[in-house]
Amino acid sequence: MKEYPHLEDEAPQVQEPVAAYASSTVFNPSQQLLLRMFAYDSSDEGLKELQDVLTKHYRELADKALNELWESGQLDQRRLSELRGMNIRDVLKN
């Protein structure tokens, strides 16, 4: 936690299985925030709500980026058709 000393005072207490993992892992600020949030609400409802919020947020970011690509002409129907036939995992490996 030395990378983010300002967050050390607020670090949540975690359950045993996570504690073993956490002791050998440096969490980034986003991960630390999520851990602190769940220190107070560990309910299934809280998890579902967080998943919904994050899903909506990243969907909106993707939509915005795609719209910008479409409007700039970098993305069009021809390129979408090309992408539809590609295996993205293979492309990302290279």
Protein backbone atom coordinates (compact mmCIF):
# COMPACT_ATOMS: atom_id res chain seq x y z
CA MET A 1 0.00 0.00 0.00
CA LYS A 2 2.99 2.29 -0.03
CA GLU A 3 2.05 3.49 -3.53
CA TYR A 4 -1.14 5.05 -2.12
CA PRO A 5 -0.34 6.06 1.49
CA HIS A 6 -3.32 8.44 1.66
CA LEU A 7 -5.64 5.42 1.47
CA GLU A 8 -4.00 3.29 4.16
CA ASP A 9 -6.06 4.74 7.02
CA GLU A 10 -9.28 3.86 5.24
CA ALA A 11 -8.39 0.29 4.23
CA PRO A 12 -11.26 -2.10 4.98
CA GLN A 13 -10.96 -5.27 6.98
CA VAL A 14 -11.35 -8.20 4.60
CA GLN A 15 -12.36 -11.79 5.12
CA GLU A 16 -9.75 -14.54 5.32
CA PRO A 17 -9.69 -15.80 1.67
CA VAL A 18 -9.33 -12.28 0.29
CA ALA A 19 -6.83 -11.26 2.97
CA ALA A 20 -4.31 -13.86 1.81
CA TYR A 21 -4.61 -12.57 -1.76
CA ALA A 22 -4.60 -8.93 -0.74
CA SER A 23 -1.41 -9.27 1.27
CA SER A 24 0.55 -10.03 -1.90
CA THR A 25 -1.29 -7.63 -4.23
CA VAL A 26 -1.10 -3.89 -4.63
CA PHE A 27 -4.58 -2.57 -5.32
CA ASN A 28 -5.02 0.45 -7.53
CA PRO A 29 -7.14 3.36 -6.25
CA SER A 30 -10.28 2.12 -8.02
CA GLN A 31 -9.96 -1.32 -6.46
CA GLN A 32 -9.33 0.22 -3.04
CA LEU A 33 -12.45 2.37 -3.38
CA LEU A 34 -14.56 -0.68 -4.22
CA LEU A 35 -13.14 -2.58 -1.25
CA ARG A 36 -13.97 0.32 1.07
CA MET A 37 -17.50 0.52 -0.33
CA PHE A 38 -18.11 -3.17 0.24
CA ALA A 39 -16.77 -2.98 3.76
CA TYR A 40 -20.09 -1.26 4.55
CA ASP A 41 -22.47 -3.09 2.20
CA SER A 42 -21.74 -6.70 1.40
CA SER A 43 -25.31 -7.58 0.44
CA ASP A 44 -26.29 -9.23 -2.81
CA GLU A 45 -28.46 -6.20 -3.54
CA GLY A 46 -25.47 -3.88 -3.15
CA LEU A 47 -23.43 -6.04 -5.51
CA LYS A 48 -26.22 -6.09 -8.10
CA GLU A 49 -26.63 -2.32 -7.87
CA LEU A 50 -22.89 -1.76 -8.30
CA GLN A 51 -22.79 -4.11 -11.29
CA ASP A 52 -25.70 -2.23 -12.86
CA VAL A 53 -24.07 1.15 -12.30
CA LEU A 54 -20.71 0.02 -13.69
CA THR A 55 -22.33 -1.71 -16.67
CA LYS A 56 -24.35 1.40 -17.50
CA HIS A 57 -21.31 3.65 -17.13
CA TYR A 58 -19.05 1.59 -19.41
CA ARG A 59 -21.87 1.03 -21.93
CA GLU A 60 -22.32 4.82 -22.15
CA LEU A 61 -18.55 5.30 -22.63
CA ALA A 62 -18.49 2.69 -25.41
CA ASP A 63 -21.54 4.22 -27.11
CA LYS A 64 -19.96 7.66 -27.00
CA ALA A 65 -16.68 6.38 -28.46
CA LEU A 66 -18.48 4.44 -31.21
CA ASN A 67 -20.62 7.46 -32.09
CA GLU A 68 -17.50 9.62 -32.36
CA LEU A 69 -15.85 7.04 -34.64
CA TRP A 70 -19.00 6.85 -36.78
CA GLU A 71 -19.33 10.62 -37.06
CA SER A 72 -15.63 11.02 -37.96
CA GLY A 73 -15.94 8.42 -40.71
CA GLN A 74 -13.44 6.03 -39.10
CA LEU A 75 -16.26 3.54 -38.57
CA ASP A 76 -18.87 2.74 -41.17
CA GLN A 77 -21.10 -0.15 -42.25
CA ARG A 78 -18.35 -1.69 -44.40
CA ARG A 79 -15.91 -1.74 -41.45
CA LEU A 80 -18.60 -3.14 -39.13
CA SER A 81 -19.17 -5.98 -41.60
CA GLU A 82 -15.42 -6.69 -41.64
CA LEU A 83 -15.29 -6.71 -37.85
CA ARG A 84 -18.27 -9.05 -37.64
CA GLY A 85 -16.27 -11.75 -39.40
CA MET A 86 -13.14 -11.35 -37.26
CA ASN A 87 -12.19 -13.26 -34.14
CA ILE A 88 -11.29 -10.36 -31.84
CA ARG A 89 -9.28 -12.59 -29.49
CA ASP A 90 -6.99 -13.57 -32.36
CA VAL A 91 -6.55 -9.93 -33.34
CA LEU A 92 -5.70 -8.92 -29.77
CA LYS A 93 -3.08 -11.68 -29.42
CA ASN A 94 -0.96 -10.17 -32.20
